[in-house]
N, C-alpha and C. Protein backbone atom coordinates (compact mmCIF):
# COMPACT_ATOMS: atom_id res chain seq x y z
N MET A 1 0.84 -1.17 0.00
CA MET A 1 0.00 0.00 0.00
C MET A 1 0.88 1.23 0.00
N SER A 2 0.74 2.04 -1.03
CA SER A 2 1.58 3.21 -1.14
C SER A 2 0.79 4.45 -0.79
N ASN A 3 1.51 5.49 -0.43
CA ASN A 3 0.89 6.76 -0.13
C ASN A 3 1.75 7.84 -0.75
N THR A 4 1.40 8.22 -1.97
CA THR A 4 2.14 9.28 -2.61
C THR A 4 1.20 10.44 -2.79
N GLY A 5 1.41 11.50 -2.07
CA GLY A 5 0.56 12.67 -2.17
C GLY A 5 1.32 13.88 -1.72
N ALA A 6 0.71 15.02 -1.87
CA ALA A 6 1.33 16.27 -1.44
C ALA A 6 1.02 16.50 0.02
N SER A 7 1.62 17.48 0.60
CA SER A 7 1.40 17.79 2.01
C SER A 7 0.11 18.57 2.18
N ASN A 8 -0.31 18.74 3.43
CA ASN A 8 -1.51 19.50 3.74
C ASN A 8 -1.36 20.97 3.40
N SER A 9 -0.15 21.47 3.25
CA SER A 9 0.06 22.89 3.06
C SER A 9 -0.31 23.38 1.67
N GLY A 10 -0.79 22.54 0.80
CA GLY A 10 -1.20 22.96 -0.53
C GLY A 10 -0.24 22.51 -1.59
N ALA A 11 -0.33 23.14 -2.76
CA ALA A 11 0.55 22.77 -3.86
C ALA A 11 1.99 23.06 -3.44
N PRO A 12 2.87 22.09 -3.62
CA PRO A 12 4.26 22.32 -3.23
C PRO A 12 4.83 23.53 -3.96
N LEU A 13 5.43 24.44 -3.20
CA LEU A 13 5.97 25.66 -3.80
C LEU A 13 7.05 25.35 -4.82
N ASP A 14 7.80 24.26 -4.62
CA ASP A 14 8.84 23.93 -5.60
C ASP A 14 8.23 23.51 -6.93
N VAL A 15 7.06 22.88 -6.90
CA VAL A 15 6.37 22.51 -8.15
C VAL A 15 5.92 23.77 -8.87
N ILE A 16 5.31 24.70 -8.12
CA ILE A 16 4.85 25.96 -8.73
C ILE A 16 6.05 26.73 -9.28
N ALA A 17 7.13 26.83 -8.51
CA ALA A 17 8.33 27.56 -8.94
C ALA A 17 8.89 26.98 -10.24
N ALA A 18 9.05 25.67 -10.28
CA ALA A 18 9.60 25.02 -11.48
C ALA A 18 8.66 25.20 -12.67
N SER A 19 7.36 25.09 -12.44
CA SER A 19 6.39 25.25 -13.53
C SER A 19 6.42 26.67 -14.09
N LEU A 20 6.47 27.66 -13.19
CA LEU A 20 6.51 29.05 -13.65
C LEU A 20 7.77 29.34 -14.47
N ARG A 21 8.91 28.90 -13.96
CA ARG A 21 10.18 29.10 -14.69
C ARG A 21 10.13 28.42 -16.06
N ARG A 22 9.68 27.15 -16.06
CA ARG A 22 9.62 26.38 -17.30
C ARG A 22 8.73 27.06 -18.33
N GLU A 23 7.54 27.47 -17.91
CA GLU A 23 6.58 28.07 -18.85
C GLU A 23 7.01 29.47 -19.27
N ARG A 24 7.61 30.25 -18.37
CA ARG A 24 8.09 31.59 -18.71
C ARG A 24 9.22 31.49 -19.74
N GLU A 25 10.13 30.54 -19.52
CA GLU A 25 11.24 30.36 -20.46
C GLU A 25 10.74 29.81 -21.80
N ARG A 26 9.72 28.97 -21.76
CA ARG A 26 9.16 28.40 -22.99
C ARG A 26 8.64 29.50 -23.91
N VAL A 27 7.99 30.51 -23.33
CA VAL A 27 7.44 31.59 -24.16
C VAL A 27 8.42 32.76 -24.30
N GLY A 28 9.57 32.69 -23.64
CA GLY A 28 10.62 33.71 -23.82
C GLY A 28 10.31 35.04 -23.18
N LEU A 29 9.67 35.03 -22.00
CA LEU A 29 9.37 36.28 -21.31
C LEU A 29 10.33 36.50 -20.14
N SER A 30 10.66 37.77 -19.89
CA SER A 30 11.44 38.11 -18.70
C SER A 30 10.50 38.12 -17.50
N LEU A 31 11.09 38.14 -16.30
CA LEU A 31 10.28 38.26 -15.08
C LEU A 31 9.41 39.51 -15.16
N SER A 32 10.03 40.63 -15.54
CA SER A 32 9.31 41.90 -15.59
C SER A 32 8.13 41.84 -16.56
N GLU A 33 8.37 41.30 -17.75
CA GLU A 33 7.32 41.25 -18.76
C GLU A 33 6.16 40.35 -18.33
N LEU A 34 6.47 39.17 -17.77
CA LEU A 34 5.40 38.28 -17.32
C LEU A 34 4.61 38.92 -16.19
N ALA A 35 5.29 39.53 -15.23
CA ALA A 35 4.61 40.20 -14.11
C ALA A 35 3.67 41.28 -14.64
N LYS A 36 4.16 42.07 -15.61
CA LYS A 36 3.35 43.14 -16.20
C LYS A 36 2.11 42.56 -16.87
N ARG A 37 2.30 41.50 -17.69
CA ARG A 37 1.16 40.90 -18.39
C ARG A 37 0.14 40.28 -17.44
N ALA A 38 0.62 39.76 -16.31
CA ALA A 38 -0.29 39.13 -15.34
C ALA A 38 -0.88 40.14 -14.35
N GLY A 39 -0.35 41.36 -14.36
CA GLY A 39 -0.85 42.39 -13.45
C GLY A 39 -0.45 42.15 -12.00
N ILE A 40 0.75 41.59 -11.81
CA ILE A 40 1.25 41.36 -10.45
C ILE A 40 2.61 42.03 -10.31
N ALA A 41 3.06 42.20 -9.08
CA ALA A 41 4.36 42.80 -8.83
C ALA A 41 5.48 41.85 -9.25
N LYS A 42 6.55 42.43 -9.81
CA LYS A 42 7.71 41.62 -10.21
C LYS A 42 8.27 40.89 -8.99
N SER A 43 8.26 41.54 -7.83
CA SER A 43 8.78 40.91 -6.60
C SER A 43 7.95 39.68 -6.23
N THR A 44 6.64 39.73 -6.46
CA THR A 44 5.77 38.57 -6.18
C THR A 44 6.16 37.40 -7.08
N LEU A 45 6.33 37.68 -8.37
CA LEU A 45 6.71 36.64 -9.32
C LEU A 45 8.09 36.08 -8.97
N SER A 46 9.01 36.95 -8.62
CA SER A 46 10.35 36.52 -8.24
C SER A 46 10.30 35.58 -7.03
N GLN A 47 9.49 35.93 -6.04
CA GLN A 47 9.32 35.06 -4.85
C GLN A 47 8.76 33.71 -5.25
N LEU A 48 7.75 33.71 -6.12
CA LEU A 48 7.13 32.44 -6.53
C LEU A 48 8.13 31.56 -7.28
N GLU A 49 8.94 32.17 -8.14
CA GLU A 49 9.93 31.38 -8.89
C GLU A 49 11.07 30.90 -8.01
N SER A 50 11.22 31.50 -6.82
CA SER A 50 12.26 31.02 -5.90
C SER A 50 11.64 30.15 -4.80
N ALA A 51 10.40 29.69 -5.04
CA ALA A 51 9.69 28.76 -4.14
C ALA A 51 9.42 29.35 -2.77
N SER A 52 9.12 30.66 -2.74
CA SER A 52 8.68 31.27 -1.48
C SER A 52 7.39 32.04 -1.79
N GLY A 53 6.78 32.61 -0.79
CA GLY A 53 5.52 33.31 -1.00
C GLY A 53 4.36 32.36 -0.81
N ASN A 54 3.16 32.90 -0.96
CA ASN A 54 1.93 32.13 -0.76
C ASN A 54 0.96 32.49 -1.88
N PRO A 55 1.09 31.86 -3.04
CA PRO A 55 0.28 32.26 -4.19
C PRO A 55 -1.20 31.96 -3.99
N SER A 56 -2.03 32.90 -4.44
CA SER A 56 -3.48 32.69 -4.40
C SER A 56 -3.95 32.10 -5.72
N VAL A 57 -5.19 31.63 -5.73
CA VAL A 57 -5.81 31.14 -6.96
C VAL A 57 -5.77 32.24 -8.02
N GLU A 58 -6.11 33.47 -7.59
CA GLU A 58 -6.18 34.58 -8.55
C GLU A 58 -4.82 34.87 -9.18
N THR A 59 -3.76 34.86 -8.36
CA THR A 59 -2.41 35.13 -8.87
C THR A 59 -2.00 34.06 -9.87
N LEU A 60 -2.19 32.80 -9.51
CA LEU A 60 -1.80 31.71 -10.41
C LEU A 60 -2.66 31.69 -11.66
N TRP A 61 -3.93 32.03 -11.54
CA TRP A 61 -4.80 32.07 -12.71
C TRP A 61 -4.32 33.16 -13.66
N ALA A 62 -3.99 34.35 -13.11
CA ALA A 62 -3.50 35.45 -13.95
C ALA A 62 -2.20 35.06 -14.65
N LEU A 63 -1.32 34.37 -13.94
CA LEU A 63 -0.06 33.93 -14.54
C LEU A 63 -0.31 32.90 -15.64
N GLY A 64 -1.25 31.98 -15.40
CA GLY A 64 -1.59 30.99 -16.42
C GLY A 64 -2.12 31.65 -17.69
N VAL A 65 -3.01 32.64 -17.52
CA VAL A 65 -3.55 33.36 -18.68
C VAL A 65 -2.43 34.08 -19.42
N ALA A 66 -1.55 34.76 -18.67
CA ALA A 66 -0.45 35.50 -19.30
C ALA A 66 0.51 34.56 -20.03
N LEU A 67 0.64 33.33 -19.53
CA LEU A 67 1.54 32.35 -20.16
C LEU A 67 0.84 31.51 -21.23
N GLY A 68 -0.48 31.60 -21.28
CA GLY A 68 -1.24 30.81 -22.26
C GLY A 68 -1.30 29.34 -21.91
N VAL A 69 -1.32 29.03 -20.61
CA VAL A 69 -1.38 27.63 -20.17
C VAL A 69 -2.51 27.46 -19.17
N PRO A 70 -3.08 26.24 -19.04
CA PRO A 70 -4.11 26.01 -18.03
C PRO A 70 -3.53 26.14 -16.62
N PHE A 71 -4.37 26.57 -15.71
CA PHE A 71 -4.03 26.67 -14.28
C PHE A 71 -3.36 25.40 -13.79
N SER A 72 -3.89 24.24 -14.22
CA SER A 72 -3.39 22.96 -13.72
C SER A 72 -1.91 22.75 -14.05
N ARG A 73 -1.44 23.31 -15.16
CA ARG A 73 -0.05 23.10 -15.55
C ARG A 73 0.91 23.78 -14.56
N LEU A 74 0.42 24.77 -13.82
CA LEU A 74 1.27 25.48 -12.86
C LEU A 74 1.32 24.81 -11.49
N VAL A 75 0.30 24.01 -11.16
CA VAL A 75 0.24 23.44 -9.81
C VAL A 75 0.30 21.92 -9.75
N ASP A 76 0.14 21.25 -10.88
CA ASP A 76 0.06 19.79 -10.88
C ASP A 76 1.44 19.18 -11.11
N PRO A 77 1.99 18.48 -10.11
CA PRO A 77 3.30 17.86 -10.32
C PRO A 77 3.18 16.67 -11.27
N PRO A 78 4.29 16.25 -11.89
CA PRO A 78 4.25 15.05 -12.71
C PRO A 78 3.72 13.89 -11.87
N THR A 79 2.86 13.05 -12.47
CA THR A 79 2.21 12.00 -11.69
C THR A 79 2.65 10.61 -12.10
N PRO A 80 2.78 9.73 -11.12
CA PRO A 80 3.07 8.32 -11.44
C PRO A 80 1.80 7.65 -11.96
N ARG A 81 1.90 6.42 -12.45
CA ARG A 81 0.74 5.70 -12.98
C ARG A 81 -0.30 5.42 -11.90
N VAL A 82 0.13 5.21 -10.67
CA VAL A 82 -0.81 5.02 -9.56
C VAL A 82 -0.54 6.15 -8.58
N ARG A 83 -1.58 6.91 -8.24
CA ARG A 83 -1.41 8.05 -7.34
C ARG A 83 -2.53 8.03 -6.31
N VAL A 84 -2.19 8.23 -5.05
CA VAL A 84 -3.16 8.31 -3.97
C VAL A 84 -3.09 9.71 -3.38
N ILE A 85 -4.24 10.33 -3.21
CA ILE A 85 -4.32 11.60 -2.49
C ILE A 85 -5.25 11.36 -1.32
N ARG A 86 -4.71 11.39 -0.13
CA ARG A 86 -5.51 11.17 1.08
C ARG A 86 -6.36 12.41 1.37
N ALA A 87 -7.47 12.21 2.10
CA ALA A 87 -8.34 13.32 2.48
C ALA A 87 -7.49 14.39 3.17
N GLY A 88 -7.68 15.63 2.76
CA GLY A 88 -6.94 16.73 3.35
C GLY A 88 -5.59 16.96 2.70
N GLU A 89 -5.21 16.13 1.72
CA GLU A 89 -3.95 16.30 1.01
C GLU A 89 -4.24 16.77 -0.40
N GLY A 90 -3.20 17.02 -1.15
CA GLY A 90 -3.35 17.45 -2.54
C GLY A 90 -2.93 18.89 -2.70
N PRO A 91 -2.68 19.29 -3.94
CA PRO A 91 -2.23 20.66 -4.19
C PRO A 91 -3.38 21.64 -4.03
N ALA A 92 -3.54 22.19 -2.83
CA ALA A 92 -4.64 23.11 -2.53
C ALA A 92 -4.16 24.54 -2.68
N ILE A 93 -4.95 25.34 -3.38
CA ILE A 93 -4.67 26.76 -3.57
C ILE A 93 -5.87 27.52 -3.02
N TYR A 94 -5.60 28.57 -2.25
CA TYR A 94 -6.66 29.30 -1.56
C TYR A 94 -6.94 30.62 -2.25
N SER A 95 -8.19 31.05 -2.18
CA SER A 95 -8.60 32.31 -2.79
C SER A 95 -8.32 33.47 -1.85
N GLU A 96 -8.04 34.64 -2.46
CA GLU A 96 -7.91 35.87 -1.68
C GLU A 96 -9.27 36.48 -1.44
N ARG A 97 -10.26 36.11 -2.26
CA ARG A 97 -11.52 36.84 -2.31
C ARG A 97 -12.71 36.09 -1.73
N ALA A 98 -12.56 34.82 -1.39
CA ALA A 98 -13.70 34.04 -0.91
C ALA A 98 -13.20 32.89 -0.04
N HIS A 99 -14.12 32.28 0.70
CA HIS A 99 -13.79 31.07 1.46
C HIS A 99 -13.83 29.91 0.47
N TYR A 100 -12.77 29.76 -0.27
CA TYR A 100 -12.73 28.84 -1.41
C TYR A 100 -11.35 28.25 -1.50
N THR A 101 -11.31 26.94 -1.62
CA THR A 101 -10.05 26.24 -1.82
C THR A 101 -10.20 25.34 -3.03
N ALA A 102 -9.28 25.44 -3.97
CA ALA A 102 -9.29 24.58 -5.15
C ALA A 102 -8.22 23.53 -4.96
N THR A 103 -8.63 22.26 -4.89
CA THR A 103 -7.68 21.16 -4.79
C THR A 103 -7.73 20.39 -6.10
N LEU A 104 -6.65 20.50 -6.86
CA LEU A 104 -6.59 19.83 -8.15
C LEU A 104 -6.29 18.36 -7.92
N LEU A 105 -7.22 17.49 -8.34
CA LEU A 105 -7.00 16.06 -8.23
C LEU A 105 -6.43 15.50 -9.53
N ALA A 106 -6.99 15.91 -10.67
CA ALA A 106 -6.49 15.43 -11.96
C ALA A 106 -6.95 16.37 -13.05
N SER A 107 -6.05 16.74 -13.93
CA SER A 107 -6.43 17.57 -15.07
C SER A 107 -6.75 16.65 -16.25
N CYS A 108 -7.64 17.09 -17.10
CA CYS A 108 -8.11 16.27 -18.22
C CYS A 108 -7.23 16.48 -19.44
N PRO A 109 -6.63 15.41 -19.97
CA PRO A 109 -5.83 15.56 -21.18
C PRO A 109 -6.74 15.83 -22.38
N PRO A 110 -6.19 16.46 -23.44
CA PRO A 110 -7.01 16.75 -24.63
C PRO A 110 -7.59 15.46 -25.21
N GLY A 111 -8.83 15.53 -25.67
CA GLY A 111 -9.45 14.40 -26.35
C GLY A 111 -9.92 13.29 -25.43
N ALA A 112 -9.92 13.52 -24.12
CA ALA A 112 -10.35 12.47 -23.19
C ALA A 112 -11.87 12.46 -23.05
N ARG A 113 -12.40 11.29 -22.75
CA ARG A 113 -13.82 11.15 -22.44
C ARG A 113 -13.92 10.54 -21.05
N ARG A 114 -14.81 11.04 -20.24
CA ARG A 114 -14.94 10.53 -18.88
C ARG A 114 -16.36 10.07 -18.62
N ASP A 115 -16.46 8.90 -17.97
CA ASP A 115 -17.73 8.38 -17.49
C ASP A 115 -17.67 8.41 -15.98
N ILE A 116 -18.75 8.84 -15.34
CA ILE A 116 -18.79 8.99 -13.88
C ILE A 116 -19.81 8.02 -13.31
N TYR A 117 -19.39 7.29 -12.26
CA TYR A 117 -20.27 6.30 -11.63
C TYR A 117 -20.30 6.53 -10.13
N LEU A 118 -21.45 6.30 -9.51
CA LEU A 118 -21.56 6.24 -8.06
C LEU A 118 -21.51 4.77 -7.69
N LEU A 119 -20.53 4.37 -6.90
CA LEU A 119 -20.39 2.98 -6.49
C LEU A 119 -20.99 2.79 -5.11
N GLN A 120 -21.77 1.76 -4.92
CA GLN A 120 -22.29 1.37 -3.62
C GLN A 120 -21.82 -0.05 -3.39
N LEU A 121 -21.00 -0.23 -2.36
CA LEU A 121 -20.37 -1.53 -2.13
C LEU A 121 -20.66 -2.03 -0.73
N GLU A 122 -20.77 -3.35 -0.60
CA GLU A 122 -20.93 -3.99 0.70
C GLU A 122 -19.83 -5.04 0.83
N PRO A 123 -19.41 -5.34 2.04
CA PRO A 123 -18.36 -6.36 2.23
C PRO A 123 -18.76 -7.69 1.58
N GLY A 124 -17.77 -8.39 1.12
CA GLY A 124 -17.98 -9.66 0.43
C GLY A 124 -16.92 -9.82 -0.63
N PRO A 125 -17.19 -10.65 -1.62
CA PRO A 125 -16.19 -10.85 -2.68
C PRO A 125 -15.87 -9.55 -3.40
N ALA A 126 -14.63 -9.43 -3.83
CA ALA A 126 -14.19 -8.24 -4.57
C ALA A 126 -14.80 -8.22 -5.96
N ARG A 127 -15.00 -7.03 -6.50
CA ARG A 127 -15.41 -6.85 -7.89
C ARG A 127 -14.12 -6.84 -8.69
N GLU A 128 -13.89 -7.90 -9.45
CA GLU A 128 -12.68 -8.03 -10.25
C GLU A 128 -12.99 -7.58 -11.67
N SER A 129 -12.26 -6.61 -12.17
CA SER A 129 -12.48 -6.09 -13.52
C SER A 129 -11.31 -6.47 -14.42
N GLU A 130 -11.65 -6.88 -15.62
CA GLU A 130 -10.63 -7.14 -16.63
C GLU A 130 -10.18 -5.80 -17.22
N PRO A 131 -9.04 -5.78 -17.90
CA PRO A 131 -8.55 -4.52 -18.48
C PRO A 131 -9.57 -3.90 -19.44
N HIS A 132 -9.71 -2.58 -19.36
CA HIS A 132 -10.56 -1.83 -20.29
C HIS A 132 -9.70 -1.43 -21.50
N MET A 133 -10.23 -0.56 -22.34
CA MET A 133 -9.51 -0.12 -23.54
C MET A 133 -8.13 0.43 -23.17
N PRO A 134 -7.13 0.23 -24.05
CA PRO A 134 -5.80 0.79 -23.79
C PRO A 134 -5.88 2.29 -23.54
N GLY A 135 -5.15 2.76 -22.54
CA GLY A 135 -5.13 4.18 -22.19
C GLY A 135 -6.18 4.57 -21.17
N THR A 136 -7.07 3.64 -20.77
CA THR A 136 -8.10 3.97 -19.78
C THR A 136 -7.44 4.21 -18.42
N VAL A 137 -7.91 5.27 -17.74
CA VAL A 137 -7.45 5.60 -16.39
C VAL A 137 -8.69 5.71 -15.53
N GLU A 138 -8.63 5.20 -14.30
CA GLU A 138 -9.78 5.31 -13.40
C GLU A 138 -9.41 6.12 -12.17
N HIS A 139 -10.38 6.94 -11.73
CA HIS A 139 -10.24 7.80 -10.57
C HIS A 139 -11.32 7.37 -9.57
N VAL A 140 -10.96 7.18 -8.30
CA VAL A 140 -11.93 6.80 -7.28
C VAL A 140 -11.81 7.77 -6.11
N ILE A 141 -12.96 8.28 -5.63
CA ILE A 141 -13.01 9.09 -4.41
C ILE A 141 -14.02 8.43 -3.50
N VAL A 142 -13.59 8.03 -2.30
CA VAL A 142 -14.47 7.37 -1.34
C VAL A 142 -15.24 8.43 -0.56
N SER A 143 -16.57 8.26 -0.47
CA SER A 143 -17.37 9.22 0.30
C SER A 143 -17.80 8.65 1.65
N ALA A 144 -17.92 7.33 1.77
CA ALA A 144 -18.28 6.72 3.06
C ALA A 144 -17.72 5.30 3.09
N GLY A 145 -17.39 4.85 4.30
CA GLY A 145 -16.88 3.48 4.47
C GLY A 145 -15.40 3.37 4.14
N ARG A 146 -14.98 2.13 3.90
CA ARG A 146 -13.59 1.85 3.53
C ARG A 146 -13.61 0.81 2.43
N MET A 147 -12.61 0.91 1.53
CA MET A 147 -12.55 -0.05 0.44
C MET A 147 -11.11 -0.31 0.03
N LEU A 148 -10.94 -1.40 -0.68
CA LEU A 148 -9.67 -1.76 -1.29
C LEU A 148 -9.90 -1.61 -2.79
N ALA A 149 -9.03 -0.84 -3.48
CA ALA A 149 -9.23 -0.60 -4.90
C ALA A 149 -7.90 -0.40 -5.60
N GLY A 150 -7.94 -0.55 -6.94
CA GLY A 150 -6.76 -0.30 -7.76
C GLY A 150 -6.34 -1.53 -8.51
N PRO A 151 -5.12 -1.52 -9.05
CA PRO A 151 -4.63 -2.69 -9.79
C PRO A 151 -4.63 -3.92 -8.88
N ARG A 152 -4.98 -5.08 -9.43
CA ARG A 152 -4.99 -6.31 -8.61
C ARG A 152 -3.64 -6.57 -7.97
N THR A 153 -2.56 -6.17 -8.63
CA THR A 153 -1.22 -6.43 -8.11
C THR A 153 -0.81 -5.45 -7.01
N GLU A 154 -1.48 -4.31 -6.89
CA GLU A 154 -1.13 -3.34 -5.86
C GLU A 154 -2.34 -2.53 -5.40
N PRO A 155 -3.40 -3.20 -4.87
CA PRO A 155 -4.57 -2.46 -4.41
C PRO A 155 -4.22 -1.59 -3.20
N VAL A 156 -5.00 -0.53 -3.01
CA VAL A 156 -4.77 0.45 -1.95
C VAL A 156 -6.02 0.53 -1.08
N GLU A 157 -5.83 0.58 0.25
CA GLU A 157 -6.97 0.78 1.16
C GLU A 157 -7.29 2.26 1.22
N LEU A 158 -8.58 2.57 1.05
CA LEU A 158 -9.05 3.95 1.01
C LEU A 158 -10.15 4.18 2.02
N GLY A 159 -10.20 5.38 2.56
CA GLY A 159 -11.26 5.79 3.48
C GLY A 159 -11.94 7.05 2.96
N PRO A 160 -12.90 7.58 3.72
CA PRO A 160 -13.66 8.75 3.28
C PRO A 160 -12.75 9.92 2.89
N GLY A 161 -12.99 10.46 1.68
CA GLY A 161 -12.23 11.59 1.19
C GLY A 161 -10.96 11.23 0.45
N ASP A 162 -10.53 9.96 0.50
CA ASP A 162 -9.31 9.56 -0.18
C ASP A 162 -9.54 9.48 -1.69
N TYR A 163 -8.52 9.82 -2.46
CA TYR A 163 -8.55 9.78 -3.93
C TYR A 163 -7.50 8.80 -4.41
N LEU A 164 -7.85 8.02 -5.43
CA LEU A 164 -6.93 7.07 -6.04
C LEU A 164 -7.03 7.18 -7.55
N LEU A 165 -5.88 7.25 -8.22
CA LEU A 165 -5.80 7.19 -9.67
C LEU A 165 -5.02 5.94 -10.02
N TYR A 166 -5.51 5.16 -11.00
CA TYR A 166 -4.79 3.95 -11.41
C TYR A 166 -5.14 3.61 -12.86
N PRO A 167 -4.27 2.84 -13.52
CA PRO A 167 -4.56 2.46 -14.89
C PRO A 167 -5.72 1.47 -14.94
N GLY A 168 -6.73 1.76 -15.78
CA GLY A 168 -7.87 0.86 -15.94
C GLY A 168 -7.64 -0.15 -17.04
N ASP A 169 -6.48 -0.06 -17.71
CA ASP A 169 -6.20 -1.01 -18.79
C ASP A 169 -5.35 -2.19 -18.31
N VAL A 170 -5.37 -2.41 -16.99
CA VAL A 170 -4.78 -3.60 -16.37
C VAL A 170 -5.86 -4.21 -15.48
N PRO A 171 -5.75 -5.51 -15.12
CA PRO A 171 -6.75 -6.09 -14.22
C PRO A 171 -6.82 -5.28 -12.93
N HIS A 172 -8.03 -4.95 -12.47
CA HIS A 172 -8.18 -4.15 -11.26
C HIS A 172 -9.34 -4.65 -10.42
N THR A 173 -9.39 -4.12 -9.20
CA THR A 173 -10.32 -4.66 -8.21
C THR A 173 -10.97 -3.55 -7.39
N ALA A 174 -12.13 -3.86 -6.81
CA ALA A 174 -12.81 -2.98 -5.86
C ALA A 174 -13.53 -3.86 -4.86
N GLN A 175 -13.28 -3.61 -3.57
CA GLN A 175 -13.89 -4.44 -2.53
C GLN A 175 -14.18 -3.59 -1.30
N ALA A 176 -15.42 -3.67 -0.80
CA ALA A 176 -15.81 -2.95 0.41
C ALA A 176 -15.18 -3.62 1.62
N LEU A 177 -14.67 -2.80 2.52
CA LEU A 177 -14.13 -3.30 3.79
C LEU A 177 -15.06 -2.98 4.95
N GLU A 178 -16.07 -2.13 4.70
CA GLU A 178 -17.06 -1.77 5.71
C GLU A 178 -18.43 -1.72 5.04
N PRO A 179 -19.50 -2.02 5.79
CA PRO A 179 -20.85 -1.89 5.24
C PRO A 179 -21.14 -0.44 4.84
N GLY A 180 -21.95 -0.26 3.81
CA GLY A 180 -22.37 1.08 3.40
C GLY A 180 -21.27 1.90 2.73
N THR A 181 -20.32 1.24 2.11
CA THR A 181 -19.25 1.97 1.43
C THR A 181 -19.77 2.57 0.12
N THR A 182 -19.50 3.84 -0.09
CA THR A 182 -19.87 4.50 -1.34
C THR A 182 -18.65 5.26 -1.87
N ALA A 183 -18.57 5.34 -3.18
CA ALA A 183 -17.45 6.02 -3.82
C ALA A 183 -17.89 6.56 -5.17
N LEU A 184 -17.17 7.56 -5.64
CA LEU A 184 -17.35 8.11 -6.97
C LEU A 184 -16.25 7.51 -7.85
N LEU A 185 -16.61 6.97 -8.99
CA LEU A 185 -15.64 6.42 -9.94
C LEU A 185 -15.75 7.21 -11.23
N VAL A 186 -14.63 7.71 -11.71
CA VAL A 186 -14.57 8.37 -13.01
C VAL A 186 -13.66 7.52 -13.87
N SER A 187 -14.21 7.02 -14.98
CA SER A 187 -13.44 6.22 -15.93
C SER A 187 -13.11 7.12 -17.11
N GLU A 188 -11.83 7.33 -17.36
CA GLU A 188 -11.37 8.25 -18.40
C GLU A 188 -10.83 7.46 -19.57
N HIS A 189 -11.40 7.70 -20.76
CA HIS A 189 -10.97 7.00 -21.97
C HIS A 189 -10.30 8.01 -22.90
N VAL A 190 -9.05 7.81 -23.21
CA VAL A 190 -8.34 8.75 -24.09
C VAL A 190 -8.52 8.32 -25.53
């Protein structure tokens, strides 16, 4: 059982710093020019690129627009094939203007199709699934109870609020560990 996730403090500043530098250099903008286009202070941008400061949703959104990239590209670290985000973890970004926190769980690649299911599971035999179409990825968020889910070779125990991403094009499993287990399943077909 693995646990690979970000800390409670939100999106890792080093991920944001590296993403900002990478995207700024990709489009060939200076710190001053990007700050001007995003409507933020050059010192704020400099702090963010040096992995300090506390970026808000609005600041990162403005930087994404100025760079011509989605918000997710600035806060989402490279992901392994199997990823677990425990309740209260994940790259959380807070708003300056509202009681609002955006926690990015997964960004949608171009051309993807997603099917969403509500799972209701009870203890007993596991639901064993054969591989789906090549490139299928499944996302599970547990809302109540506990379950074991993921690839048959490396299932993960999940509780309320936990998120799991795993390849759906390999044999996989889902099994309730407590009565009344419910979860949201998103099956993504590229």
